Each structure stands twice: as structure tokens, then as C-alpha cells.
Amino acid sequence: VYVMERLCVTASSGKNATRMNKKFYEEKRLPPNHRSRNSFFKHSGYDRGHMAPAADFSHNVDHMKDTFNLCNISPQVPSFNRGIWSRLEKMIRDIATEEVQGRNGAAMYVITGPLWVPSSIV
């Protein structure tokens, strides 16, 4: 599963949405045997890592809530998710701000997905 997001920076791109009180939830439109569940992550040692980061949608409460759909989540080792992955997300937002700002209707597209490698390599 991959995620594609459209980053568009505008003058009205404020920060009126926060992660506070957001909960990860199952995609009910999928058959039960194809859903990711919160219980899969409990005591697993993995973080629920956003593929399309919640912070990219801080301008809209509903859009940010959508990022907590488990279809947008990939298991991540906590140190990776909170470290280099978090820095990469911020770097992409900074690039979007620099490259897109001031260009009416301009956008940057980001495609994100997991990389499945054998555990003997990791």
C-alpha cells in the first residue's frame, strides 16, 4: 500500500488542527480480514507510522483526522519513526514551502510506502 499526497502551500495555510485527542481507527469500508487493527500494534514494539504525516494537514481538522486511518499507517521501529523519519517529513514540508509558496495553484506530490526487506538484512 502506498500513499500519494498533494502538498499545496497557500497564504491561508494556518495551523488550526492539532494531533491532540486524535485516535487511530480502522477503515470500516474494508472487509474485516483485510483491515489493519489497533490491536496489531499493541505490545508489538512498533509505532504506527504515518505515511502521509498528520502535520502536513495542520490547516484542516477533518483532513488531519483522516491521517489517523490505519490505511495510512505502516509499522515502524520507534527510533526510526521518531528520529530520521520525522526529520524527513519536516524536510519535505520545508521544501514544499520554499518551492511552492508564491506560485498560485502550484503543488508538490509526495508518494510514500513501506519497504519490505528480509529481517536478516535489517
PDB file of N, CA and C in Angstrom:
ATOM      1  N   VAL A   1       0.848  -1.172   0.000  1.00  0.00           N
ATOM      2  CA  VAL A   1       0.000   0.000   0.000  1.00  0.00           C
ATOM      3  C   VAL A   1       0.894   1.235   0.000  1.00  0.00           C
ATOM      4  N   TYR A   2       0.596   2.140  -0.900  1.00  0.00           N
ATOM      5  CA  TYR A   2       1.314   3.406  -0.975  1.00  0.00           C
ATOM      6  C   TYR A   2       0.325   4.550  -0.813  1.00  0.00           C
ATOM      7  N   VAL A   3       0.830   5.691  -0.408  1.00  0.00           N
ATOM      8  CA  VAL A   3       0.016   6.880  -0.211  1.00  0.00           C
ATOM      9  C   VAL A   3       0.582   7.991  -1.081  1.00  0.00           C
ATOM     10  N   MET A   4      -0.297   8.727  -1.770  1.00  0.00           N
ATOM     11  CA  MET A   4       0.136   9.902  -2.508  1.00  0.00           C
ATOM     12  C   MET A   4      -0.584  11.104  -1.917  1.00  0.00           C
ATOM     13  N   GLU A   5       0.181  12.120  -1.578  1.00  0.00           N
ATOM     14  CA  GLU A   5      -0.426  13.340  -1.044  1.00  0.00           C
ATOM     15  C   GLU A   5      -0.005  14.534  -1.888  1.00  0.00           C
ATOM     16  N   ARG A   6      -0.873  15.497  -1.942  1.00  0.00           N
ATOM     17  CA  ARG A   6      -0.625  16.737  -2.677  1.00  0.00           C
ATOM     18  C   ARG A   6      -0.361  17.829  -1.649  1.00  0.00           C
ATOM     19  N   LEU A   7       0.853  18.358  -1.645  1.00  0.00           N
ATOM     20  CA  LEU A   7       1.201  19.442  -0.737  1.00  0.00           C
ATOM     21  C   LEU A   7       1.077  20.750  -1.492  1.00  0.00           C
ATOM     22  N   CYS A   8       0.206  21.611  -0.982  1.00  0.00           N
ATOM     23  CA  CYS A   8      -0.037  22.913  -1.594  1.00  0.00           C
ATOM     24  C   CYS A   8       0.047  23.947  -0.493  1.00  0.00           C
ATOM     25  N   VAL A   9       1.012  24.830  -0.577  1.00  0.00           N
ATOM     26  CA  VAL A   9       1.205  25.854   0.443  1.00  0.00           C
ATOM     27  C   VAL A   9       0.548  27.134  -0.042  1.00  0.00           C
ATOM     28  N   THR A  10      -0.363  27.672   0.773  1.00  0.00           N
ATOM     29  CA  THR A  10      -1.035  28.918   0.420  1.00  0.00           C
ATOM     30  C   THR A  10      -0.924  29.893   1.573  1.00  0.00           C
ATOM     31  N   ALA A  11      -1.306  31.109   1.305  1.00  0.00           N
ATOM     32  CA  ALA A  11      -1.266  32.136   2.352  1.00  0.00           C
ATOM     33  C   ALA A  11      -2.196  31.782   3.502  1.00  0.00           C
ATOM     34  N   SER A  12      -3.237  30.999   3.217  1.00  0.00           N
ATOM     35  CA  SER A  12      -4.199  30.639   4.262  1.00  0.00           C
ATOM     36  C   SER A  12      -3.830  29.342   4.978  1.00  0.00           C
ATOM     37  N   SER A  13      -2.655  28.780   4.669  1.00  0.00           N
ATOM     38  CA  SER A  13      -2.230  27.530   5.305  1.00  0.00           C
ATOM     39  C   SER A  13      -1.804  27.787   6.736  1.00  0.00           C
ATOM     40  N   GLY A  14      -2.783  27.898   7.609  1.00  0.00           N
ATOM     41  CA  GLY A  14      -2.501  28.127   9.021  1.00  0.00           C
ATOM     42  C   GLY A  14      -2.407  26.817   9.769  1.00  0.00           C
ATOM     43  N   LYS A  15      -2.293  26.913  11.071  1.00  0.00           N
ATOM     44  CA  LYS A  15      -2.227  25.715  11.904  1.00  0.00           C
ATOM     45  C   LYS A  15      -3.405  25.739  12.848  1.00  0.00           C
ATOM     46  N   ASN A  16      -4.560  25.282  12.375  1.00  0.00           N
ATOM     47  CA  ASN A  16      -5.736  25.269  13.240  1.00  0.00           C
ATOM     48  C   ASN A  16      -6.151  23.856  13.620  1.00  0.00           C
ATOM     49  N   ALA A  17      -5.339  22.864  13.284  1.00  0.00           N
ATOM     50  CA  ALA A  17      -5.616  21.478  13.669  1.00  0.00           C
ATOM     51  C   ALA A  17      -4.406  20.943  14.431  1.00  0.00           C
ATOM     52  N   THR A  18      -4.661  20.136  15.446  1.00  0.00           N
ATOM     53  CA  THR A  18      -3.575  19.527  16.215  1.00  0.00           C
ATOM     54  C   THR A  18      -3.825  18.027  16.330  1.00  0.00           C
ATOM     55  N   ARG A  19      -2.798  17.309  16.735  1.00  0.00           N
ATOM     56  CA  ARG A  19      -2.898  15.856  16.932  1.00  0.00           C
ATOM     57  C   ARG A  19      -3.642  15.512  18.221  1.00  0.00           C
ATOM     58  N   MET A  20      -3.843  16.507  19.081  1.00  0.00           N
ATOM     59  CA  MET A  20      -4.456  16.262  20.375  1.00  0.00           C
ATOM     60  C   MET A  20      -5.830  15.601  20.216  1.00  0.00           C
ATOM     61  N   ASN A  21      -6.048  14.545  20.987  1.00  0.00           N
ATOM     62  CA  ASN A  21      -7.313  13.803  21.016  1.00  0.00           C
ATOM     63  C   ASN A  21      -7.632  13.067  19.714  1.00  0.00           C
ATOM     64  N   LYS A  22      -6.657  12.900  18.835  1.00  0.00           N
ATOM     65  CA  LYS A  22      -6.878  12.114  17.613  1.00  0.00           C
ATOM     66  C   LYS A  22      -6.589  10.654  17.940  1.00  0.00           C
ATOM     67  N   LYS A  23      -7.412   9.781  17.421  1.00  0.00           N
ATOM     68  CA  LYS A  23      -7.243   8.349  17.667  1.00  0.00           C
ATOM     69  C   LYS A  23      -7.126   7.611  16.335  1.00  0.00           C
ATOM     70  N   PHE A  24      -6.254   6.610  16.293  1.00  0.00           N
ATOM     71  CA  PHE A  24      -6.139   5.766  15.120  1.00  0.00           C
ATOM     72  C   PHE A  24      -7.404   4.920  15.002  1.00  0.00           C
ATOM     73  N   TYR A  25      -7.883   4.745  13.777  1.00  0.00           N
ATOM     74  CA  TYR A  25      -9.119   3.980  13.597  1.00  0.00           C
ATOM     75  C   TYR A  25      -9.031   3.090  12.359  1.00  0.00           C
ATOM     76  N   GLU A  26      -9.825   2.011  12.398  1.00  0.00           N
ATOM     77  CA  GLU A  26      -9.878   1.043  11.292  1.00  0.00           C
ATOM     78  C   GLU A  26     -10.673   1.611  10.121  1.00  0.00           C
ATOM     79  N   GLU A  27     -10.342   1.154   8.936  1.00  0.00           N
ATOM     80  CA  GLU A  27     -11.107   1.507   7.736  1.00  0.00           C
ATOM     81  C   GLU A  27     -12.268   0.523   7.628  1.00  0.00           C
ATOM     82  N   LYS A  28     -13.441   0.965   8.028  1.00  0.00           N
ATOM     83  CA  LYS A  28     -14.622   0.091   8.086  1.00  0.00           C
ATOM     84  C   LYS A  28     -15.127  -0.331   6.700  1.00  0.00           C
ATOM     85  N   ARG A  29     -14.702   0.378   5.640  1.00  0.00           N
ATOM     86  CA  ARG A  29     -15.153   0.005   4.296  1.00  0.00           C
ATOM     87  C   ARG A  29     -14.415  -1.220   3.759  1.00  0.00           C
ATOM     88  N   LEU A  30     -13.349  -1.633   4.426  1.00  0.00           N
ATOM     89  CA  LEU A  30     -12.622  -2.835   4.017  1.00  0.00           C
ATOM     90  C   LEU A  30     -13.230  -4.060   4.695  1.00  0.00           C
ATOM     91  N   PRO A  31     -13.186  -5.198   4.030  1.00  0.00           N
ATOM     92  CA  PRO A  31     -13.642  -6.420   4.700  1.00  0.00           C
ATOM     93  C   PRO A  31     -12.802  -6.646   5.965  1.00  0.00           C
ATOM     94  N   PRO A  32     -13.400  -7.151   7.016  1.00  0.00           N
ATOM     95  CA  PRO A  32     -12.683  -7.317   8.295  1.00  0.00           C
ATOM     96  C   PRO A  32     -11.342  -8.046   8.171  1.00  0.00           C
ATOM     97  N   ASN A  33     -11.240  -9.048   7.315  1.00  0.00           N
ATOM     98  CA  ASN A  33      -9.988  -9.809   7.212  1.00  0.00           C
ATOM     99  C   ASN A  33      -8.901  -9.048   6.435  1.00  0.00           C
ATOM    100  N   HIS A  34      -9.215  -7.870   5.897  1.00  0.00           N
ATOM    101  CA  HIS A  34      -8.223  -7.060   5.181  1.00  0.00           C
ATOM    102  C   HIS A  34      -7.859  -5.785   5.932  1.00  0.00           C
ATOM    103  N   ARG A  35      -8.412  -5.596   7.107  1.00  0.00           N
ATOM    104  CA  ARG A  35      -8.182  -4.374   7.883  1.00  0.00           C
ATOM    105  C   ARG A  35      -6.974  -4.490   8.789  1.00  0.00           C
ATOM    106  N   SER A  36      -6.274  -3.381   8.910  1.00  0.00           N
ATOM    107  CA  SER A  36      -5.286  -3.251   9.968  1.00  0.00           C
ATOM    108  C   SER A  36      -6.050  -2.860  11.229  1.00  0.00           C
ATOM    109  N   ARG A  37      -5.606  -3.351  12.370  1.00  0.00           N
ATOM    110  CA  ARG A  37      -6.305  -3.076  13.622  1.00  0.00           C
ATOM    111  C   ARG A  37      -5.331  -2.508  14.655  1.00  0.00           C
ATOM    112  N   ASN A  38      -5.864  -1.680  15.540  1.00  0.00           N
ATOM    113  CA  ASN A  38      -5.028  -1.133  16.604  1.00  0.00           C
ATOM    114  C   ASN A  38      -4.409  -2.237  17.446  1.00  0.00           C
ATOM    115  N   SER A  39      -5.136  -3.335  17.615  1.00  0.00           N
ATOM    116  CA  SER A  39      -4.623  -4.435  18.440  1.00  0.00           C
ATOM    117  C   SER A  39      -3.356  -5.052  17.840  1.00  0.00           C
ATOM    118  N   PHE A  40      -3.164  -4.919  16.524  1.00  0.00           N
ATOM    119  CA  PHE A  40      -1.954  -5.455  15.891  1.00  0.00           C
ATOM    120  C   PHE A  40      -0.706  -4.729  16.413  1.00  0.00           C
ATOM    121  N   PHE A  41      -0.857  -3.495  16.833  1.00  0.00           N
ATOM    122  CA  PHE A  41       0.280  -2.693  17.273  1.00  0.00           C
ATOM    123  C   PHE A  41       0.511  -2.770  18.776  1.00  0.00           C
ATOM    124  N   LYS A  42      -0.518  -3.131  19.531  1.00  0.00           N
ATOM    125  CA  LYS A  42      -0.409  -3.169  20.990  1.00  0.00           C
ATOM    126  C   LYS A  42       0.648  -4.188  21.406  1.00  0.00           C
ATOM    127  N   HIS A  43       1.629  -3.738  22.163  1.00  0.00           N
ATOM    128  CA  HIS A  43       2.731  -4.565  22.665  1.00  0.00           C
ATOM    129  C   HIS A  43       3.559  -5.197  21.543  1.00  0.00           C
ATOM    130  N   SER A  44       3.508  -4.641  20.332  1.00  0.00           N
ATOM    131  CA  SER A  44       4.262  -5.210  19.209  1.00  0.00           C
ATOM    132  C   SER A  44       5.695  -4.703  19.155  1.00  0.00           C
ATOM    133  N   GLY A  45       5.935  -3.561  19.802  1.00  0.00           N
ATOM    134  CA  GLY A  45       7.253  -2.950  19.718  1.00  0.00           C
ATOM    135  C   GLY A  45       7.380  -1.995  18.536  1.00  0.00           C
ATOM    136  N   TYR A  46       6.301  -1.843  17.757  1.00  0.00           N
ATOM    137  CA  TYR A  46       6.313  -0.951  16.596  1.00  0.00           C
ATOM    138  C   TYR A  46       5.410   0.254  16.835  1.00  0.00           C
ATOM    139  N   ASP A  47       5.816   1.381  16.258  1.00  0.00           N
ATOM    140  CA  ASP A  47       4.969   2.572  16.223  1.00  0.00           C
ATOM    141  C   ASP A  47       4.017   2.464  15.041  1.00  0.00           C
ATOM    142  N   ARG A  48       2.911   3.186  15.141  1.00  0.00           N
ATOM    143  CA  ARG A  48       2.019   3.362  13.990  1.00  0.00           C
ATOM    144  C   ARG A  48       2.548   4.591  13.249  1.00  0.00           C
ATOM    145  N   GLY A  49       3.319   4.355  12.211  1.00  0.00           N
ATOM    146  CA  GLY A  49       3.965   5.444  11.477  1.00  0.00           C
ATOM    147  C   GLY A  49       3.101   5.948  10.336  1.00  0.00           C
ATOM    148  N   HIS A  50       2.841   7.256  10.339  1.00  0.00           N
ATOM    149  CA  HIS A  50       2.056   7.867   9.260  1.00  0.00           C
ATOM    150  C   HIS A  50       2.845   7.828   7.952  1.00  0.00           C
ATOM    151  N   MET A  51       2.190   7.454   6.867  1.00  0.00           N
ATOM    152  CA  MET A  51       2.809   7.584   5.552  1.00  0.00           C
ATOM    153  C   MET A  51       2.572   8.996   5.025  1.00  0.00           C
ATOM    154  N   ALA A  52       1.334   9.488   5.112  1.00  0.00           N
ATOM    155  CA  ALA A  52       1.057  10.910   4.873  1.00  0.00           C
ATOM    156  C   ALA A  52       0.996  11.533   6.267  1.00  0.00           C
ATOM    157  N   PRO A  53       1.983  12.341   6.631  1.00  0.00           N
ATOM    158  CA  PRO A  53       2.094  12.847   8.007  1.00  0.00           C
ATOM    159  C   PRO A  53       0.930  13.737   8.431  1.00  0.00           C
ATOM    160  N   ALA A  54       0.510  13.569   9.667  1.00  0.00           N
ATOM    161  CA  ALA A  54      -0.564  14.401  10.212  1.00  0.00           C
ATOM    162  C   ALA A  54      -0.200  15.882  10.135  1.00  0.00           C
ATOM    163  N   ALA A  55       1.057  16.222  10.383  1.00  0.00           N
ATOM    164  CA  ALA A  55       1.481  17.628  10.385  1.00  0.00           C
ATOM    165  C   ALA A  55       1.304  18.291   9.019  1.00  0.00           C
ATOM    166  N   ASP A  56       1.262  17.505   7.950  1.00  0.00           N
ATOM    167  CA  ASP A  56       1.045  18.074   6.609  1.00  0.00           C
ATOM    168  C   ASP A  56      -0.379  18.594   6.439  1.00  0.00           C
ATOM    169  N   PHE A  57      -1.245  18.244   7.364  1.00  0.00           N
ATOM    170  CA  PHE A  57      -2.657  18.622   7.255  1.00  0.00           C
ATOM    171  C   PHE A  57      -3.109  19.471   8.442  1.00  0.00           C
ATOM    172  N   SER A  58      -2.175  20.213   9.019  1.00  0.00           N
ATOM    173  CA  SER A  58      -2.494  21.036  10.190  1.00  0.00           C
ATOM    174  C   SER A  58      -3.419  22.194   9.852  1.00  0.00           C
ATOM    175  N   HIS A  59      -3.679  22.425   8.573  1.00  0.00           N
ATOM    176  CA  HIS A  59      -4.563  23.508   8.139  1.00  0.00           C
ATOM    177  C   HIS A  59      -6.037  23.114   8.160  1.00  0.00           C
ATOM    178  N   ASN A  60      -6.338  21.801   8.382  1.00  0.00           N
ATOM    179  CA  ASN A  60      -7.717  21.339   8.279  1.00  0.00           C
ATOM    180  C   ASN A  60      -7.968  20.193   9.259  1.00  0.00           C
ATOM    181  N   VAL A  61      -8.888  20.379  10.179  1.00  0.00           N
ATOM    182  CA  VAL A  61      -9.168  19.391  11.224  1.00  0.00           C
ATOM    183  C   VAL A  61      -9.608  18.052  10.630  1.00  0.00           C
ATOM    184  N   ASP A  62     -10.519  18.077   9.656  1.00  0.00           N
ATOM    185  CA  ASP A  62     -11.016  16.826   9.064  1.00  0.00           C
ATOM    186  C   ASP A  62      -9.930  16.083   8.297  1.00  0.00           C
ATOM    187  N   HIS A  63      -9.105  16.826   7.563  1.00  0.00           N
ATOM    188  CA  HIS A  63      -8.022  16.183   6.813  1.00  0.00           C
ATOM    189  C   HIS A  63      -7.003  15.561   7.751  1.00  0.00           C
ATOM    190  N   MET A  64      -6.701  16.261   8.854  1.00  0.00           N
ATOM    191  CA  MET A  64      -5.762  15.684   9.812  1.00  0.00           C
ATOM    192  C   MET A  64      -6.337  14.407  10.423  1.00  0.00           C
ATOM    193  N   LYS A  65      -7.624  14.424  10.754  1.00  0.00           N
ATOM    194  CA  LYS A  65      -8.269  13.230  11.307  1.00  0.00           C
ATOM    195  C   LYS A  65      -8.125  12.049  10.352  1.00  0.00           C
ATOM    196  N   ASP A  66      -8.249  12.318   9.047  1.00  0.00           N
ATOM    197  CA  ASP A  66      -8.127  11.250   8.047  1.00  0.00           C
ATOM    198  C   ASP A  66      -6.756  10.581   8.061  1.00  0.00           C
ATOM    199  N   THR A  67      -5.727  11.296   8.488  1.00  0.00           N
ATOM    200  CA  THR A  67      -4.385  10.693   8.511  1.00  0.00           C
ATOM    201  C   THR A  67      -4.255   9.620   9.585  1.00  0.00           C
ATOM    202  N   PHE A  68      -5.219   9.555  10.505  1.00  0.00           N
ATOM    203  CA  PHE A  68      -5.183   8.555  11.566  1.00  0.00           C
ATOM    204  C   PHE A  68      -5.923   7.268  11.176  1.00  0.00           C
ATOM    205  N   ASN A  69      -6.391   7.198   9.932  1.00  0.00           N
ATOM    206  CA  ASN A  69      -6.960   5.972   9.392  1.00  0.00           C
ATOM    207  C   ASN A  69      -5.818   4.961   9.280  1.00  0.00           C
ATOM    208  N   LEU A  70      -6.018   3.751   9.759  1.00  0.00           N
ATOM    209  CA  LEU A  70      -4.949   2.755   9.760  1.00  0.00           C
ATOM    210  C   LEU A  70      -4.494   2.363   8.348  1.00  0.00           C
ATOM    211  N   CYS A  71      -5.236   2.741   7.315  1.00  0.00           N
ATOM    212  CA  CYS A  71      -4.771   2.520   5.937  1.00  0.00           C
ATOM    213  C   CYS A  71      -3.584   3.419   5.615  1.00  0.00           C
ATOM    214  N   ASN A  72      -3.393   4.476   6.380  1.00  0.00           N
ATOM    215  CA  ASN A  72      -2.303   5.424   6.178  1.00  0.00           C
ATOM    216  C   ASN A  72      -1.115   5.114   7.097  1.00  0.00           C
ATOM    217  N   ILE A  73      -1.121   3.956   7.703  1.00  0.00           N
ATOM    218  CA  ILE A  73      -0.129   3.622   8.723  1.00  0.00           C
ATOM    219  C   ILE A  73       0.726   2.444   8.282  1.00  0.00           C
ATOM    220  N   SER A  74       2.004   2.539   8.609  1.00  0.00           N
ATOM    221  CA  SER A  74       2.946   1.452   8.371  1.00  0.00           C
ATOM    222  C   SER A  74       3.701   1.191   9.672  1.00  0.00           C
ATOM    223  N   PRO A  75       3.902  -0.065  10.030  1.00  0.00           N
ATOM    224  CA  PRO A  75       4.660  -0.345  11.252  1.00  0.00           C
ATOM    225  C   PRO A  75       6.078   0.227  11.122  1.00  0.00           C
ATOM    226  N   GLN A  76       6.531   0.933  12.157  1.00  0.00           N
ATOM    227  CA  GLN A  76       7.878   1.497  12.143  1.00  0.00           C
ATOM    228  C   GLN A  76       8.555   1.271  13.490  1.00  0.00           C
ATOM    229  N   VAL A  77       9.834   0.984  13.432  1.00  0.00           N
ATOM    230  CA  VAL A  77      10.632   0.893  14.650  1.00  0.00           C
ATOM    231  C   VAL A  77      10.591   2.279  15.306  1.00  0.00           C
ATOM    232  N   PRO A  78      10.300   2.365  16.607  1.00  0.00           N
ATOM    233  CA  PRO A  78      10.126   3.670  17.256  1.00  0.00           C
ATOM    234  C   PRO A  78      11.272   4.660  17.022  1.00  0.00           C
ATOM    235  N   SER A  79      12.519   4.223  17.130  1.00  0.00           N
ATOM    236  CA  SER A  79      13.636   5.159  16.957  1.00  0.00           C
ATOM    237  C   SER A  79      13.686   5.704  15.529  1.00  0.00           C
ATOM    238  N   PHE A  80      13.290   4.913  14.557  1.00  0.00           N
ATOM    239  CA  PHE A  80      13.228   5.358  13.158  1.00  0.00           C
ATOM    240  C   PHE A  80      12.082   6.351  12.970  1.00  0.00           C
ATOM    241  N   ASN A  81      10.891   6.001  13.461  1.00  0.00           N
ATOM    242  CA  ASN A  81       9.708   6.840  13.302  1.00  0.00           C
ATOM    243  C   ASN A  81       9.900   8.209  13.950  1.00  0.00           C
ATOM    244  N   ARG A  82      10.449   8.228  15.139  1.00  0.00           N
ATOM    245  CA  ARG A  82      10.583   9.472  15.900  1.00  0.00           C
ATOM    246  C   ARG A  82      11.872  10.222  15.580  1.00  0.00           C
ATOM    247  N   GLY A  83      12.760   9.587  14.833  1.00  0.00           N
ATOM    248  CA  GLY A  83      14.049  10.188  14.501  1.00  0.00           C
ATOM    249  C   GLY A  83      14.123  10.596  13.040  1.00  0.00           C
ATOM    250  N   ILE A  84      14.812   9.791  12.242  1.00  0.00           N
ATOM    251  CA  ILE A  84      15.077  10.164  10.858  1.00  0.00           C
ATOM    252  C   ILE A  84      13.794  10.346  10.040  1.00  0.00           C
ATOM    253  N   TRP A  85      12.768   9.529  10.299  1.00  0.00           N
ATOM    254  CA  TRP A  85      11.505   9.666   9.543  1.00  0.00           C
ATOM    255  C   TRP A  85      10.840  11.015   9.839  1.00  0.00           C
ATOM    256  N   SER A  86      10.821  11.381  11.104  1.00  0.00           N
ATOM    257  CA  SER A  86      10.245  12.668  11.500  1.00  0.00           C
ATOM    258  C   SER A  86      11.012  13.828  10.851  1.00  0.00           C
ATOM    259  N   ARG A  87      12.339  13.724  10.824  1.00  0.00           N
ATOM    260  CA  ARG A  87      13.151  14.781  10.194  1.00  0.00           C
ATOM    261  C   ARG A  87      12.914  14.834   8.688  1.00  0.00           C
ATOM    262  N   LEU A  88      12.732  13.672   8.056  1.00  0.00           N
ATOM    263  CA  LEU A  88      12.439  13.633   6.620  1.00  0.00           C
ATOM    264  C   LEU A  88      11.095  14.302   6.326  1.00  0.00           C
ATOM    265  N   GLU A  89      10.080  14.020   7.143  1.00  0.00           N
ATOM    266  CA  GLU A  89       8.770  14.654   6.963  1.00  0.00           C
ATOM    267  C   GLU A  89       8.883  16.181   7.034  1.00  0.00           C
ATOM    268  N   LYS A  90       9.625  16.678   8.024  1.00  0.00           N
ATOM    269  CA  LYS A  90       9.795  18.127   8.173  1.00  0.00           C
ATOM    270  C   LYS A  90      10.559  18.700   6.980  1.00  0.00           C
ATOM    271  N   MET A  91      11.590  17.998   6.520  1.00  0.00           N
ATOM    272  CA  MET A  91      12.368  18.472   5.386  1.00  0.00           C
ATOM    273  C   MET A  91      11.493  18.600   4.133  1.00  0.00           C
ATOM    274  N   ILE A  92      10.605  17.640   3.912  1.00  0.00           N
ATOM    275  CA  ILE A  92       9.708  17.685   2.754  1.00  0.00           C
ATOM    276  C   ILE A  92       8.746  18.863   2.876  1.00  0.00           C
ATOM    277  N   ARG A  93       8.211  19.115   4.091  1.00  0.00           N
ATOM    278  CA  ARG A  93       7.348  20.287   4.293  1.00  0.00           C
ATOM    279  C   ARG A  93       8.107  21.579   4.018  1.00  0.00           C
ATOM    280  N   ASP A  94       9.358  21.653   4.475  1.00  0.00           N
ATOM    281  CA  ASP A  94      10.173  22.845   4.240  1.00  0.00           C
ATOM    282  C   ASP A  94      10.428  23.051   2.746  1.00  0.00           C
ATOM    283  N   ILE A  95      10.727  21.982   2.015  1.00  0.00           N
ATOM    284  CA  ILE A  95      10.944  22.078   0.566  1.00  0.00           C
ATOM    285  C   ILE A  95       9.669  22.550  -0.117  1.00  0.00           C
ATOM    286  N   ALA A  96       8.543  21.984   0.286  1.00  0.00           N
ATOM    287  CA  ALA A  96       7.261  22.393  -0.312  1.00  0.00           C
ATOM    288  C   ALA A  96       7.010  23.870  -0.074  1.00  0.00           C
ATOM    289  N   THR A  97       7.296  24.338   1.128  1.00  0.00           N
ATOM    290  CA  THR A  97       7.089  25.752   1.447  1.00  0.00           C
ATOM    291  C   THR A  97       7.971  26.633   0.568  1.00  0.00           C
ATOM    292  N   GLU A  98       9.234  26.259   0.416  1.00  0.00           N
ATOM    293  CA  GLU A  98      10.176  27.046  -0.388  1.00  0.00           C
ATOM    294  C   GLU A  98       9.822  27.028  -1.875  1.00  0.00           C
ATOM    295  N   GLU A  99       9.504  25.845  -2.389  1.00  0.00           N
ATOM    296  CA  GLU A  99       9.323  25.673  -3.828  1.00  0.00           C
ATOM    297  C   GLU A  99       7.944  26.072  -4.331  1.00  0.00           C
ATOM    298  N   VAL A 100       6.934  25.924  -3.494  1.00  0.00           N
ATOM    299  CA  VAL A 100       5.557  26.117  -3.943  1.00  0.00           C
ATOM    300  C   VAL A 100       5.010  27.490  -3.560  1.00  0.00           C
ATOM    301  N   GLN A 101       5.459  28.015  -2.430  1.00  0.00           N
ATOM    302  CA  GLN A 101       4.905  29.280  -1.929  1.00  0.00           C
ATOM    303  C   GLN A 101       5.091  30.404  -2.957  1.00  0.00           C
ATOM    304  N   GLY A 102       4.040  31.178  -3.143  1.00  0.00           N
ATOM    305  CA  GLY A 102       4.081  32.296  -4.073  1.00  0.00           C
ATOM    306  C   GLY A 102       3.720  31.917  -5.500  1.00  0.00           C
ATOM    307  N   ARG A 103       3.564  30.652  -5.766  1.00  0.00           N
ATOM    308  CA  ARG A 103       3.167  30.186  -7.094  1.00  0.00           C
ATOM    309  C   ARG A 103       1.706  29.783  -7.029  1.00  0.00           C
ATOM    310  N   ASN A 104       0.852  30.576  -7.555  1.00  0.00           N
ATOM    311  CA  ASN A 104      -0.579  30.345  -7.476  1.00  0.00           C
ATOM    312  C   ASN A 104      -0.958  28.978  -8.050  1.00  0.00           C
ATOM    313  N   GLY A 105      -1.563  28.135  -7.240  1.00  0.00           N
ATOM    314  CA  GLY A 105      -2.022  26.823  -7.679  1.00  0.00           C
ATOM    315  C   GLY A 105      -0.947  25.764  -7.776  1.00  0.00           C
ATOM    316  N   ALA A 106       0.298  26.106  -7.451  1.00  0.00           N
ATOM    317  CA  ALA A 106       1.384  25.129  -7.534  1.00  0.00           C
ATOM    318  C   ALA A 106       1.267  24.117  -6.395  1.00  0.00           C
ATOM    319  N   ALA A 107       1.739  22.915  -6.659  1.00  0.00           N
ATOM    320  CA  ALA A 107       1.683  21.855  -5.654  1.00  0.00           C
ATOM    321  C   ALA A 107       2.878  20.928  -5.829  1.00  0.00           C
ATOM    322  N   MET A 108       3.155  20.179  -4.795  1.00  0.00           N
ATOM    323  CA  MET A 108       4.196  19.158  -4.822  1.00  0.00           C
ATOM    324  C   MET A 108       3.527  17.842  -4.428  1.00  0.00           C
ATOM    325  N   TYR A 109       3.840  16.786  -5.138  1.00  0.00           N
ATOM    326  CA  TYR A 109       3.264  15.477  -4.849  1.00  0.00           C
ATOM    327  C   TYR A 109       4.315  14.603  -4.173  1.00  0.00           C
ATOM    328  N   VAL A 110       3.882  13.891  -3.126  1.00  0.00           N
ATOM    329  CA  VAL A 110       4.769  13.009  -2.374  1.00  0.00           C
ATOM    330  C   VAL A 110       4.137  11.622  -2.347  1.00  0.00           C
ATOM    331  N   ILE A 111       4.909  10.615  -2.733  1.00  0.00           N
ATOM    332  CA  ILE A 111       4.448   9.225  -2.697  1.00  0.00           C
ATOM    333  C   ILE A 111       5.271   8.502  -1.639  1.00  0.00           C
ATOM    334  N   THR A 112       4.576   7.846  -0.725  1.00  0.00           N
ATOM    335  CA  THR A 112       5.230   7.184   0.402  1.00  0.00           C
ATOM    336  C   THR A 112       4.691   5.768   0.542  1.00  0.00           C
ATOM    337  N   GLY A 113       5.558   4.843   0.907  1.00  0.00           N
ATOM    338  CA  GLY A 113       5.125   3.472   1.154  1.00  0.00           C
ATOM    339  C   GLY A 113       6.199   2.699   1.891  1.00  0.00           C
ATOM    340  N   PRO A 114       5.832   1.554   2.397  1.00  0.00           N
ATOM    341  CA  PRO A 114       6.785   0.738   3.154  1.00  0.00           C
ATOM    342  C   PRO A 114       7.764   0.011   2.236  1.00  0.00           C
ATOM    343  N   LEU A 115       8.885  -0.328   2.792  1.00  0.00           N
ATOM    344  CA  LEU A 115       9.876  -1.144   2.110  1.00  0.00           C
ATOM    345  C   LEU A 115       9.971  -2.443   2.901  1.00  0.00           C
ATOM    346  N   TRP A 116       9.615  -3.531   2.273  1.00  0.00           N
ATOM    347  CA  TRP A 116       9.627  -4.828   2.948  1.00  0.00           C
ATOM    348  C   TRP A 116      10.944  -5.531   2.611  1.00  0.00           C
ATOM    349  N   VAL A 117      11.788  -5.699   3.621  1.00  0.00           N
ATOM    350  CA  VAL A 117      13.068  -6.364   3.420  1.00  0.00           C
ATOM    351  C   VAL A 117      13.178  -7.523   4.404  1.00  0.00           C
ATOM    352  N   PRO A 118      13.926  -8.551   4.033  1.00  0.00           N
ATOM    353  CA  PRO A 118      14.089  -9.677   4.956  1.00  0.00           C
ATOM    354  C   PRO A 118      14.735  -9.222   6.268  1.00  0.00           C
ATOM    355  N   SER A 119      14.311  -9.811   7.366  1.00  0.00           N
ATOM    356  CA  SER A 119      14.828  -9.397   8.679  1.00  0.00           C
ATOM    357  C   SER A 119      16.334  -9.639   8.786  1.00  0.00           C
ATOM    358  N   SER A 120      16.897 -10.545   7.983  1.00  0.00           N
ATOM    359  CA  SER A 120      18.329 -10.798   8.041  1.00  0.00           C
ATOM    360  C   SER A 120      19.137  -9.615   7.507  1.00  0.00           C
ATOM    361  N   ILE A 121      18.501  -8.729   6.716  1.00  0.00           N
ATOM    362  CA  ILE A 121      19.180  -7.553   6.168  1.00  0.00           C
ATOM    363  C   ILE A 121      19.095  -6.388   7.147  1.00  0.00           C
ATOM    364  N   VAL A 122      17.991  -6.284   7.857  1.00  0.00           N
ATOM    365  CA  VAL A 122      17.742  -5.136   8.739  1.00  0.00           C
ATOM    366  C   VAL A 122      18.599  -5.183   9.956  1.00  0.00           C
TER     367      VAL A 122
END
